[in-house]
């Protein structure tokens, strides 16, 4: 091994030594190369051939823009494609194709249906094609390998139809299930909304007049009732004063018919009527300045003035009794029951009725005022309770409106899927009829055999050189002998040695040409015949 040491120390390869090894070991190299190549290449012609048929399926996007109709199915194409693949590669689906096309009939009789299904799954490959920009699946390729090219094409066609139809069925089923689910949720939301509406309606019915929306009207009604109460009280006071007047007037008629004033200086008779008439007219002026002519108190006051004026006129026109007339005695006697006295008694009774009515009206107004004041007092608690009910109602209504909108969108999306306007699979390339086998790739086997033969040849040459202890070069001798060589004996060759050497050279080149030619011919055949 001194040459190797010397070569390593020098750092340069010894081409002369390699060339000498090639001259001596070319047969040891060529024969393993040829045998290794021939073995691998021959296996490519012995192994059973398989033909691969493939088709390209394009993932076509929906024709309707999402701004108009949003899909209601799973948009994860990767997950949906995996689900569809699992359904198509199920045992039931594959057994239908196996029985329909009589696949794997060359298999052993003991092969079960499950074994055939496993064999078919191994022969099917699905390759996805993704967009380089967003890594989304734009298409996918279905491949099937079989010993017969036409069988491979038919199976690929069957698988393609299954993928296209299954995608439509899956999308339609998902869309319909989504619509049904939303409709169920919508019904529950409608029931909840109806329940909230009923609660609000019952609450409003139980608190009529005390609702927050009626606060302003309650205040206006309360203010009007207070004004009416004040008017009724004023009218009641006036009626009571008038009753006192009628009673005093009647008493005066009973005491004397001729006196005009009492001992206290209070006017009676005609002066008292004129004084009452003046008071009523002043009261009419005061009411007319505040109310219209159709106001009830104004109308009633006008009637009292008219009655008082008639009474005054009757007193003036009534005949006066002569002095000493026995009929002109006490007014309490029947003779004293003149028309003015009777009229005063009638007006006194009417005045009493008016006072009673005024008192009843005041009681009713006070009760109503108390009722409206109670409503206003209860309004804060009522407002809080109604706000809680209204909040629940608004939440239920918002949920119902949202579900109704989603339901309408889902119905449109389902209709679009039924019309096959959604995302769908379109066969871009029909299943191909393979003309060359996909396995084994004989040209690839040829290259693999050549590489394996070269490696085997190098191993054999290295082994022969390792176990060969002969010296073949001057350098080998110099490496062994420790002293310098003074002279050497030249090699003496005769004609027989020269012929043997030529034959060996010719045989070596012939062998090299044969091996190289065989490899080239085999590669050409592998390329042409696949």
Protein backbone atom coordinates (compact mmCIF):
# COMPACT_ATOMS: atom_id res chain seq x y z
CA UNK A 1 0.00 0.00 0.00
CA UNK A 2 2.96 2.42 -0.30
CA UNK A 3 1.51 3.81 -3.54
CA UNK A 4 -1.67 4.82 -1.80
CA UNK A 5 0.31 6.46 0.97
CA UNK A 6 2.44 8.23 -1.57
CA UNK A 7 -0.65 9.27 -3.52
CA UNK A 8 -2.33 10.60 -0.41
CA UNK A 9 0.77 12.49 0.57
CA UNK A 10 1.17 14.01 -2.86
CA UNK A 11 -2.54 14.92 -3.03
CA UNK A 12 -2.73 14.05 -6.75
CA UNK A 13 -4.35 10.93 -8.25
CA UNK A 14 -2.04 8.40 -9.97
CA UNK A 15 -3.67 8.10 -13.41
CA UNK A 16 -1.01 5.72 -14.67
CA UNK A 17 -1.82 3.30 -11.87
CA UNK A 18 -5.56 3.55 -12.58
CA UNK A 19 -4.93 2.99 -16.27
CA UNK A 20 -2.83 -0.05 -15.50
CA UNK A 21 -5.62 -1.40 -13.29
CA UNK A 22 -8.11 -0.82 -16.09
CA UNK A 23 -5.92 -2.73 -18.55
CA UNK A 24 -5.52 -5.60 -16.17
CA UNK A 25 -9.02 -5.69 -14.63
CA UNK A 26 -11.28 -4.63 -17.51
CA UNK A 27 -12.89 -8.05 -17.72
CA UNK A 28 -13.44 -8.09 -13.96
CA UNK A 29 -15.20 -4.76 -14.41
CA UNK A 30 -17.17 -5.34 -17.62
CA UNK A 31 -18.64 -8.70 -16.69
CA UNK A 32 -20.23 -7.50 -13.37
CA UNK A 33 -21.43 -4.36 -15.12
CA UNK A 34 -23.13 -6.40 -17.81
CA UNK A 35 -24.55 -8.94 -15.40
CA UNK A 36 -25.87 -6.29 -13.00
CA UNK A 37 -27.47 -4.32 -15.81
CA UNK A 38 -28.86 -7.42 -17.46
CA UNK A 39 -30.38 -8.66 -14.21
CA UNK A 40 -32.22 -5.42 -13.39
CA UNK A 41 -33.19 -4.74 -16.99
CA UNK A 42 -34.43 -8.30 -17.41
CA UNK A 43 -36.61 -7.94 -14.32
CA UNK A 44 -38.41 -5.04 -16.01
CA UNK A 45 -39.53 -7.47 -18.71
CA UNK A 46 -40.49 -10.16 -16.24
CA UNK A 47 -42.51 -8.08 -13.77
CA UNK A 48 -46.23 -7.73 -14.56
CA UNK A 49 -47.00 -4.54 -16.42
CA UNK A 50 -49.50 -1.96 -15.21
CA UNK A 51 -51.07 0.80 -17.25
CA UNK A 52 -52.12 4.03 -15.56
CA UNK A 53 -55.11 6.00 -16.77
CA UNK A 54 -55.60 9.51 -15.39
CA UNK A 55 -58.08 12.35 -15.66
CA UNK A 56 -57.95 15.96 -14.52
CA UNK A 57 -60.95 17.38 -12.65
CA UNK A 58 -61.25 21.15 -12.36
CA UNK A 59 -62.74 22.71 -9.22
CA UNK A 60 -65.07 25.27 -10.80
CA UNK A 61 -66.12 28.17 -8.61
CA UNK A 62 -69.79 29.22 -8.23
CA UNK A 63 -71.24 31.18 -11.14
CA UNK A 64 -73.20 33.41 -8.75
CA UNK A 65 -71.09 36.00 -6.84
CA UNK A 66 -70.98 35.53 -3.08
CA UNK A 67 -72.20 39.13 -2.63
CA UNK A 68 -75.59 38.06 -4.01
CA UNK A 69 -75.89 34.47 -2.77
CA UNK A 70 -73.57 33.24 -0.01
CA UNK A 71 -72.99 29.44 -0.01
CA UNK A 72 -74.30 27.58 3.03
CA UNK A 73 -72.02 24.53 2.77
CA UNK A 74 -68.55 23.78 4.07
CA UNK A 75 -66.11 25.85 2.02
CA UNK A 76 -63.07 23.81 3.11
CA UNK A 77 -62.47 21.97 -0.13
CA UNK A 78 -59.67 19.89 1.39
CA UNK A 79 -61.94 18.48 4.09
CA UNK A 80 -64.83 17.93 1.68
CA UNK A 81 -62.56 16.22 -0.85
CA UNK A 82 -61.24 13.91 1.84
CA UNK A 83 -64.78 13.07 2.91
CA UNK A 84 -65.83 12.37 -0.68
CA UNK A 85 -62.72 10.23 -1.24
CA UNK A 86 -63.48 8.14 1.84
CA UNK A 87 -67.05 7.61 0.68
CA UNK A 88 -66.01 6.60 -2.84
CA UNK A 89 -63.21 4.33 -1.60
CA UNK A 90 -65.58 2.58 0.76
CA UNK A 91 -65.99 -1.15 0.50
CA UNK A 92 -69.51 -0.95 -0.90
CA UNK A 93 -68.66 1.47 -3.70
CA UNK A 94 -65.51 -0.36 -4.76
CA UNK A 95 -67.20 -3.77 -4.74
CA UNK A 96 -69.83 -2.41 -7.13
CA UNK A 97 -67.10 -1.32 -9.57
CA UNK A 98 -65.20 -4.60 -9.11
CA UNK A 99 -68.29 -6.69 -9.87
CA UNK A 100 -69.37 -4.44 -12.73
CA UNK A 101 -66.01 -4.55 -14.58
CA UNK A 102 -64.96 -8.00 -13.32
CA UNK A 103 -61.70 -6.69 -11.90
CA UNK A 104 -58.91 -8.83 -10.46
CA UNK A 105 -60.27 -11.95 -12.07
CA UNK A 106 -56.68 -13.19 -12.49
CA UNK A 107 -56.21 -13.20 -8.72
CA UNK A 108 -56.01 -16.45 -6.83
CA UNK A 109 -59.32 -18.14 -6.03
CA UNK A 110 -58.68 -17.78 -2.33
CA UNK A 111 -58.58 -13.97 -2.58
CA UNK A 112 -61.59 -12.55 -0.73
CA UNK A 113 -63.66 -9.52 -1.60
CA UNK A 114 -61.89 -7.49 1.10
CA UNK A 115 -58.54 -8.39 -0.44
CA UNK A 116 -59.75 -7.16 -3.82
CA UNK A 117 -60.92 -3.94 -2.22
CA UNK A 118 -57.49 -3.43 -0.64
CA UNK A 119 -55.80 -4.15 -3.98
CA UNK A 120 -58.01 -1.62 -5.75
CA UNK A 121 -57.35 1.04 -3.13
CA UNK A 122 -53.61 0.60 -3.69
CA UNK A 123 -54.12 1.03 -7.45
CA UNK A 124 -56.00 4.33 -6.99
CA UNK A 125 -54.09 7.57 -6.42
CA UNK A 126 -55.48 11.09 -6.12
CA UNK A 127 -53.13 14.04 -6.62
CA UNK A 128 -54.24 17.60 -5.85
CA UNK A 129 -53.10 20.67 -7.77
CA UNK A 130 -52.77 23.83 -5.70
CA UNK A 131 -52.50 27.49 -6.54
CA UNK A 132 -49.03 28.83 -5.82
CA UNK A 133 -50.37 32.18 -4.58
CA UNK A 134 -52.88 31.17 -1.89
CA UNK A 135 -52.22 27.41 -1.74
CA UNK A 136 -55.85 26.61 -2.60
CA UNK A 137 -56.88 23.48 -4.46
CA UNK A 138 -57.70 24.37 -8.06
CA UNK A 139 -57.95 20.85 -9.50
CA UNK A 140 -57.09 17.25 -8.76
CA UNK A 141 -56.06 14.23 -10.79
CA UNK A 142 -57.50 10.72 -10.45
CA UNK A 143 -55.19 7.85 -11.43
CA UNK A 144 -55.87 4.14 -11.65
CA UNK A 145 -53.40 1.40 -12.58
CA UNK A 146 -54.40 -1.93 -14.15
CA UNK A 147 -52.85 -4.66 -16.26
CA UNK A 148 -55.21 -3.83 -19.13
CA UNK A 149 -55.14 -0.24 -20.47
CA UNK A 150 -58.84 -0.28 -21.36
CA UNK A 151 -59.78 -1.54 -17.92
CA UNK A 152 -57.71 1.26 -16.43
CA UNK A 153 -59.57 3.78 -18.60
CA UNK A 154 -63.00 2.39 -17.68
CA UNK A 155 -62.28 2.35 -13.96
CA UNK A 156 -60.95 5.91 -14.12
CA UNK A 157 -64.12 6.96 -15.92
CA UNK A 158 -66.25 5.31 -13.22
CA UNK A 159 -64.29 7.02 -10.46
CA UNK A 160 -64.55 10.38 -12.22
CA UNK A 161 -68.33 10.09 -12.46
CA UNK A 162 -68.54 9.11 -8.80
CA UNK A 163 -66.48 12.11 -7.72
CA UNK A 164 -68.53 14.57 -9.77
CA UNK A 165 -71.90 13.17 -8.72
CA UNK A 166 -70.90 12.67 -5.10
CA UNK A 167 -69.74 16.27 -4.85
CA UNK A 168 -73.12 17.48 -6.11
CA UNK A 169 -74.96 15.18 -3.71
CA UNK A 170 -72.79 16.18 -0.76
CA UNK A 171 -73.19 19.91 -1.43
CA UNK A 172 -76.95 19.59 -1.94
CA UNK A 173 -77.32 17.46 1.20
CA UNK A 174 -75.24 19.87 3.27
CA UNK A 175 -77.17 22.83 1.90
CA UNK A 176 -80.55 21.22 2.62
CA UNK A 177 -79.44 20.17 6.11
CA UNK A 178 -78.28 23.71 6.81
CA UNK A 179 -81.62 25.11 5.65
CA UNK A 180 -83.57 22.62 7.78
CA UNK A 181 -81.46 23.41 10.82
CA UNK A 182 -82.00 27.16 10.39
CA UNK A 183 -85.75 26.59 9.89
CA UNK A 184 -85.87 24.60 13.13
CA UNK A 185 -84.02 27.34 14.96
CA UNK A 186 -86.37 29.88 13.37
CA UNK A 187 -89.42 28.03 14.67
CA UNK A 188 -87.97 28.00 18.18
CA UNK A 189 -87.17 31.71 17.87
CA UNK A 190 -90.72 32.39 16.64
CA UNK A 191 -92.17 30.52 19.64
CA UNK A 192 -89.91 32.46 22.00
CA UNK A 193 -90.89 35.74 20.33
CA UNK A 194 -94.59 34.88 20.64
CA UNK A 195 -94.10 34.09 24.31
CA UNK A 196 -92.35 37.43 24.87
CA UNK A 197 -95.09 39.25 22.97
CA UNK A 198 -97.74 37.58 25.11
CA UNK A 199 -95.93 38.61 28.30
CA UNK A 200 -95.66 42.22 27.11
CA UNK A 201 -99.30 42.22 26.00
CA UNK A 202 -100.54 40.81 29.32
CA UNK A 203 -98.45 43.31 31.26
CA UNK A 204 -99.74 46.21 29.19
CA UNK A 205 -103.30 44.97 29.63
CA UNK A 206 -102.83 44.71 33.40
CA UNK A 207 -101.33 48.22 33.62
CA UNK A 208 -103.53 50.16 31.22
CA UNK A 209 -103.17 53.85 31.94
CA UNK A 210 -99.99 53.42 33.99
CA UNK A 211 -97.60 52.71 31.12
CA UNK A 212 -94.60 55.00 30.50
CA UNK A 213 -95.96 55.92 27.10
CA UNK A 214 -99.13 57.27 28.80
CA UNK A 215 -97.33 59.53 31.26
CA UNK A 216 -97.88 62.72 29.27
CA UNK A 217 -101.54 61.96 28.67
CA UNK A 218 -102.01 61.11 32.37
CA UNK A 219 -100.46 64.44 33.35
CA UNK A 220 -102.73 66.29 30.93
CA UNK A 221 -105.82 64.42 32.16
CA UNK A 222 -104.83 65.06 35.80
CA UNK A 223 -104.37 68.74 35.09
CA UNK A 224 -107.78 68.88 33.37
CA UNK A 225 -109.43 67.05 36.27
CA UNK A 226 -107.92 69.47 38.74
CA UNK A 227 -109.25 72.39 36.69
CA UNK A 228 -112.68 70.72 36.59
CA UNK A 229 -112.51 70.10 40.35
CA UNK A 230 -111.72 73.74 40.96
CA UNK A 231 -114.63 74.77 38.74
CA UNK A 232 -117.01 72.38 40.48
CA UNK A 233 -115.93 73.67 43.88
CA UNK A 234 -116.45 77.25 42.76
CA UNK A 235 -119.88 76.32 41.41
CA UNK A 236 -120.71 74.50 44.65
CA UNK A 237 -119.80 77.56 46.70
CA UNK A 238 -121.94 79.72 44.44
CA UNK A 239 -124.86 77.29 44.75
CA UNK A 240 -124.56 77.29 48.53
CA UNK A 241 -124.57 81.08 48.58
CA UNK A 242 -127.62 81.05 46.34
CA UNK A 243 -129.34 78.60 48.69
CA UNK A 244 -128.75 80.96 51.59
CA UNK A 245 -130.19 83.73 49.49
CA UNK A 246 -133.29 81.71 48.55
CA UNK A 247 -133.84 80.67 52.16
CA UNK A 248 -133.53 84.22 53.43
CA UNK A 249 -135.80 85.45 50.65
CA UNK A 250 -138.46 82.89 51.44
CA UNK A 251 -138.22 83.68 55.13
CA UNK A 252 -138.64 87.34 54.40
CA UNK A 253 -141.76 86.60 52.34
CA UNK A 254 -143.16 84.71 55.26
CA UNK A 255 -142.40 87.44 57.77
CA UNK A 256 -143.60 90.40 55.83
CA UNK A 257 -144.53 91.14 52.33
CA UNK A 258 -144.10 94.85 52.52
CA UNK A 259 -140.83 95.31 54.37
CA UNK A 260 -137.88 96.11 52.26
CA UNK A 261 -135.12 95.84 54.87
CA UNK A 262 -134.46 93.83 58.00
CA UNK A 263 -133.48 95.24 61.31
CA UNK A 264 -129.83 94.51 60.48
CA UNK A 265 -130.10 96.56 57.30
CA UNK A 266 -129.94 93.53 54.98
CA UNK A 267 -132.08 94.21 51.93
CA UNK A 268 -135.09 91.94 51.40
CA UNK A 269 -137.76 91.65 48.80
CA UNK A 270 -137.23 93.46 45.57
CA UNK A 271 -133.97 95.14 46.69
CA UNK A 272 -132.52 91.75 47.61
CA UNK A 273 -133.48 90.34 44.20
CA UNK A 274 -131.86 93.28 42.46
CA UNK A 275 -128.75 92.84 44.61
CA UNK A 276 -128.63 89.09 43.73
CA UNK A 277 -129.15 89.95 40.06
CA UNK A 278 -126.21 92.35 40.19
CA UNK A 279 -124.06 89.65 41.83
CA UNK A 280 -125.01 87.07 39.21
CA UNK A 281 -124.26 89.48 36.39
CA UNK A 282 -120.84 90.29 37.90
CA UNK A 283 -120.15 86.56 38.23
CA UNK A 284 -121.18 86.05 34.58
CA UNK A 285 -118.74 88.76 33.48
CA UNK A 286 -115.99 87.06 35.47
CA UNK A 287 -116.71 83.60 33.99
CA UNK A 288 -117.07 84.98 30.45
CA UNK A 289 -113.57 86.42 30.71
CA UNK A 290 -112.17 82.93 31.42
CA UNK A 291 -114.50 80.56 29.52
CA UNK A 292 -116.49 80.48 26.34
CA UNK A 293 -120.24 80.99 26.09
CA UNK A 294 -120.77 77.23 25.79
CA UNK A 295 -119.09 76.44 29.08
CA UNK A 296 -121.64 74.67 31.36
CA UNK A 297 -121.21 77.08 34.28
CA UNK A 298 -121.68 80.08 31.96
CA UNK A 299 -124.86 78.61 30.51
CA UNK A 300 -126.20 77.75 33.93
CA UNK A 301 -125.42 81.22 35.27
CA UNK A 302 -127.27 82.75 32.34
CA UNK A 303 -130.30 80.60 33.19
CA UNK A 304 -130.16 81.76 36.84
CA UNK A 305 -129.98 85.38 35.72
CA UNK A 306 -133.02 84.84 33.47
CA UNK A 307 -134.98 83.23 36.34
CA UNK A 308 -134.01 86.01 38.74
CA UNK A 309 -135.10 88.64 36.22
CA UNK A 310 -138.47 86.88 35.79
CA UNK A 311 -138.84 86.73 39.57
CA UNK A 312 -138.04 90.43 39.84
CA UNK A 313 -140.58 91.20 37.13
CA UNK A 314 -143.26 89.13 38.86
CA UNK A 315 -142.67 90.91 42.19
CA UNK A 316 -142.93 94.28 40.51
CA UNK A 317 -146.12 93.38 38.65
CA UNK A 318 -147.78 91.55 41.64
CA UNK A 319 -150.78 93.53 43.25
CA UNK A 320 -150.07 94.82 46.71
CA UNK A 321 -152.72 94.10 49.43
CA UNK A 322 -154.62 96.91 51.05
CA UNK A 323 -153.85 97.81 54.63
CA UNK A 324 -155.97 95.90 57.08
CA UNK A 325 -156.74 93.15 54.56
CA UNK A 326 -157.09 89.90 56.51
CA UNK A 327 -155.59 88.03 53.56
CA UNK A 328 -152.38 89.96 53.84
CA UNK A 329 -151.39 88.34 57.09
CA UNK A 330 -148.72 85.70 57.69
CA UNK A 331 -146.97 84.29 54.59
CA UNK A 332 -147.10 80.95 56.22
CA UNK A 333 -150.90 80.90 55.77
CA UNK A 334 -152.39 79.57 52.60
CA UNK A 335 -153.33 83.09 51.61
CA UNK A 336 -149.71 83.99 51.55
CA UNK A 337 -148.80 81.30 48.99
CA UNK A 338 -148.39 83.71 46.12
CA UNK A 339 -146.76 82.89 42.86
CA UNK A 340 -143.36 84.47 43.77
CA UNK A 341 -143.16 82.42 46.96
CA UNK A 342 -143.94 79.22 45.16
CA UNK A 343 -141.35 80.05 42.53
CA UNK A 344 -138.75 80.74 45.23
CA UNK A 345 -139.49 77.38 46.83
CA UNK A 346 -139.14 75.67 43.47
CA UNK A 347 -135.81 77.36 42.85
CA UNK A 348 -134.70 76.41 46.35
CA UNK A 349 -135.43 72.78 45.64
CA UNK A 350 -133.59 73.02 42.30
CA UNK A 351 -130.73 74.65 44.12
CA UNK A 352 -130.59 71.77 46.58
CA UNK A 353 -130.50 69.27 43.73
CA UNK A 354 -127.70 71.26 42.12
CA UNK A 355 -125.71 71.24 45.35
CA UNK A 356 -126.14 67.48 45.66
CA UNK A 357 -125.03 66.96 42.03
CA UNK A 358 -122.06 69.26 42.54
CA UNK A 359 -120.99 67.34 45.61
CA UNK A 360 -121.28 64.02 43.78
CA UNK A 361 -119.30 65.42 40.84
CA UNK A 362 -116.60 66.69 43.19
CA UNK A 363 -116.37 63.25 44.86
CA UNK A 364 -116.07 61.56 41.45
CA UNK A 365 -113.41 64.05 40.34
CA UNK A 366 -111.46 63.56 43.56
CA UNK A 367 -111.60 59.78 43.07
CA UNK A 368 -110.37 60.10 39.50
CA UNK A 369 -107.60 62.47 40.56
CA UNK A 370 -106.52 59.98 43.23
CA UNK A 371 -106.55 57.22 40.59
CA UNK A 372 -104.34 59.15 38.17
CA UNK A 373 -102.03 60.22 40.97
CA UNK A 374 -101.67 56.54 41.94
CA UNK A 375 -100.87 55.70 38.31
CA UNK A 376 -98.16 58.34 38.23
CA UNK A 377 -96.75 57.06 41.51
CA UNK A 378 -96.65 53.48 40.21
CA UNK A 379 -95.09 54.50 36.93
CA UNK A 380 -91.34 54.11 37.91
CA UNK A 381 -91.82 50.49 39.03
CA UNK A 382 -94.03 49.79 36.02
CA UNK A 383 -91.45 51.35 33.71
CA UNK A 384 -88.69 49.13 35.13
CA UNK A 385 -90.75 45.96 34.77
CA UNK A 386 -91.80 46.90 31.26
CA UNK A 387 -88.16 47.66 30.35
CA UNK A 388 -87.13 44.15 31.44
CA UNK A 389 -89.93 42.58 29.41
CA UNK A 390 -89.19 44.82 26.44
CA UNK A 391 -85.48 43.96 26.60
CA UNK A 392 -86.27 40.24 26.40
CA UNK A 393 -88.73 40.91 23.59
CA UNK A 394 -86.19 42.95 21.62
CA UNK A 395 -83.54 40.26 22.03
CA UNK A 396 -85.97 37.60 20.84
CA UNK A 397 -87.02 39.79 17.93
CA UNK A 398 -83.41 40.50 16.94
CA UNK A 399 -82.63 36.77 17.08
CA UNK A 400 -85.74 36.01 15.05
CA UNK A 401 -84.92 38.66 12.42
CA UNK A 402 -81.35 37.39 12.13
CA UNK A 403 -82.48 33.77 11.73
CA UNK A 404 -85.15 34.83 9.22
CA UNK A 405 -82.50 36.59 7.14
CA UNK A 406 -80.19 33.57 7.35
CA UNK A 407 -83.06 31.27 6.45
CA UNK A 408 -83.88 33.28 3.32
CA UNK A 409 -80.20 33.29 2.31
CA UNK A 410 -79.93 29.55 2.98
CA UNK A 411 -83.03 28.86 0.88
CA UNK A 412 -81.50 30.81 -2.01
CA UNK A 413 -78.19 28.95 -1.59
CA UNK A 414 -80.02 25.60 -1.56
CA UNK A 415 -81.88 26.55 -4.72
CA UNK A 416 -78.57 27.51 -6.31
CA UNK A 417 -77.06 24.14 -5.37
CA UNK A 418 -80.08 22.30 -6.77
CA UNK A 419 -79.64 24.21 -10.02
CA UNK A 420 -75.95 23.16 -9.97
CA UNK A 421 -74.82 26.78 -9.93
CA UNK A 422 -72.53 26.34 -6.91
CA UNK A 423 -69.00 25.03 -6.69
CA UNK A 424 -68.75 21.87 -8.78
CA UNK A 425 -66.26 19.44 -10.26
CA UNK A 426 -65.78 19.57 -14.03
CA UNK A 427 -63.85 16.95 -15.98
CA UNK A 428 -61.17 18.93 -17.80
CA UNK A 429 -59.36 15.97 -19.40
CA UNK A 430 -61.23 12.75 -20.13
CA UNK A 431 -59.73 9.49 -18.81
CA UNK A 432 -56.74 8.66 -20.98
CA UNK A 433 -56.10 5.35 -22.75
CA UNK A 434 -52.48 4.52 -21.80
CA UNK A 435 -50.35 3.25 -24.69
CA UNK A 436 -47.26 2.51 -22.58
CA UNK A 437 -47.12 0.78 -19.22
CA UNK A 438 -46.61 2.95 -16.19
CA UNK A 439 -44.93 0.10 -14.31
CA UNK A 440 -42.35 -1.16 -14.71
CA UNK A 441 -40.60 1.83 -16.30
CA UNK A 442 -38.12 -0.16 -18.36
CA UNK A 443 -35.99 2.83 -19.25
CA UNK A 444 -35.71 3.69 -15.58
CA UNK A 445 -34.92 0.07 -14.78
CA UNK A 446 -32.25 0.19 -17.47
CA UNK A 447 -30.61 3.19 -15.82
CA UNK A 448 -30.88 1.62 -12.38
CA UNK A 449 -29.31 -1.59 -13.71
CA UNK A 450 -26.45 0.35 -15.29
CA UNK A 451 -25.72 2.17 -12.04
CA UNK A 452 -25.94 -1.07 -10.08
CA UNK A 453 -23.64 -2.84 -12.60
CA UNK A 454 -21.06 -0.06 -12.41
CA UNK A 455 -21.11 -0.22 -8.62
CA UNK A 456 -20.81 -4.01 -8.73
CA UNK A 457 -17.89 -3.80 -11.20
CA UNK A 458 -16.04 -1.34 -9.00
CA UNK A 459 -16.57 -3.58 -5.98
CA UNK A 460 -15.24 -6.64 -7.86
CA UNK A 461 -12.16 -4.77 -9.17
CA UNK A 462 -11.45 -3.39 -5.72
CA UNK A 463 -11.76 -6.86 -4.21
CA UNK A 464 -9.39 -8.41 -6.76
CA UNK A 465 -6.86 -5.63 -6.25
CA UNK A 466 -7.11 -5.96 -2.49
CA UNK A 467 -6.40 -9.69 -2.46
CA UNK A 468 -3.73 -9.57 -5.24
CA UNK A 469 -0.21 -9.49 -3.65
CA UNK A 470 1.75 -9.33 -6.89
CA UNK A 471 3.87 -6.36 -7.96
CA UNK A 472 2.78 -4.84 -11.25
CA UNK A 473 4.75 -1.60 -11.43
CA UNK A 474 8.20 -0.21 -10.81
CA UNK A 475 6.85 2.00 -8.07
CA UNK A 476 5.67 -1.06 -6.17
CA UNK A 477 9.18 -2.51 -6.20
CA UNK A 478 10.76 0.75 -5.12
CA UNK A 479 8.31 1.00 -2.29
CA UNK A 480 9.31 -2.46 -0.99
CA UNK A 481 13.11 -2.45 -1.58
CA UNK A 482 14.80 -0.12 0.93
CA UNK A 483 17.87 0.55 -1.28
CA UNK A 484 18.13 2.25 -4.60
CA UNK A 485 17.87 0.06 -7.73
CA UNK A 486 20.99 0.28 -9.88
CA UNK A 487 19.71 -1.63 -12.90
CA UNK A 488 16.77 -3.70 -14.08
CA UNK A 489 16.34 -6.68 -16.38
CA UNK A 490 14.24 -5.74 -19.40
CA UNK A 491 11.21 -7.85 -20.31
CA UNK A 492 11.94 -10.25 -23.16
CA UNK A 493 8.86 -10.83 -25.36
CA UNK A 494 8.56 -13.31 -28.20
CA UNK A 495 6.01 -13.52 -31.00
CA UNK A 496 3.74 -15.79 -29.00
CA UNK A 497 3.54 -13.27 -26.19
CA UNK A 498 2.80 -10.52 -28.66
CA UNK A 499 -0.06 -12.55 -30.21
CA UNK A 500 -1.42 -13.36 -26.78
CA UNK A 501 -1.29 -9.70 -25.84
CA UNK A 502 -3.05 -8.65 -29.05
CA UNK A 503 -5.76 -11.24 -28.56
CA UNK A 504 -6.25 -10.07 -25.03
CA UNK A 505 -6.57 -6.45 -26.17
CA UNK A 506 -8.96 -7.36 -28.97
CA UNK A 507 -11.01 -9.48 -26.62
CA UNK A 508 -11.13 -6.69 -24.08
CA UNK A 509 -12.29 -4.10 -26.59
CA UNK A 510 -14.72 -6.55 -28.10
CA UNK A 511 -16.15 -7.28 -24.68
CA UNK A 512 -16.39 -3.57 -23.92
CA UNK A 513 -18.12 -2.91 -27.22
CA UNK A 514 -20.46 -5.83 -26.64
CA UNK A 515 -21.41 -4.65 -23.17
CA UNK A 516 -21.83 -1.06 -24.31
CA UNK A 517 -23.78 -2.11 -27.38
CA UNK A 518 -26.05 -4.36 -25.33
CA UNK A 519 -26.77 -1.57 -22.91
CA UNK A 520 -27.51 0.89 -25.72
CA UNK A 521 -29.75 -1.60 -27.53
CA UNK A 522 -31.56 -2.45 -24.33
CA UNK A 523 -32.06 1.23 -23.52
CA UNK A 524 -33.39 1.90 -27.00
CA UNK A 525 -35.82 -0.98 -26.80
CA UNK A 526 -36.92 0.12 -23.35
CA UNK A 527 -37.52 3.64 -24.63
CA UNK A 528 -39.43 2.56 -27.72
CA UNK A 529 -41.54 -0.15 -26.12
CA UNK A 530 -42.00 1.54 -22.78
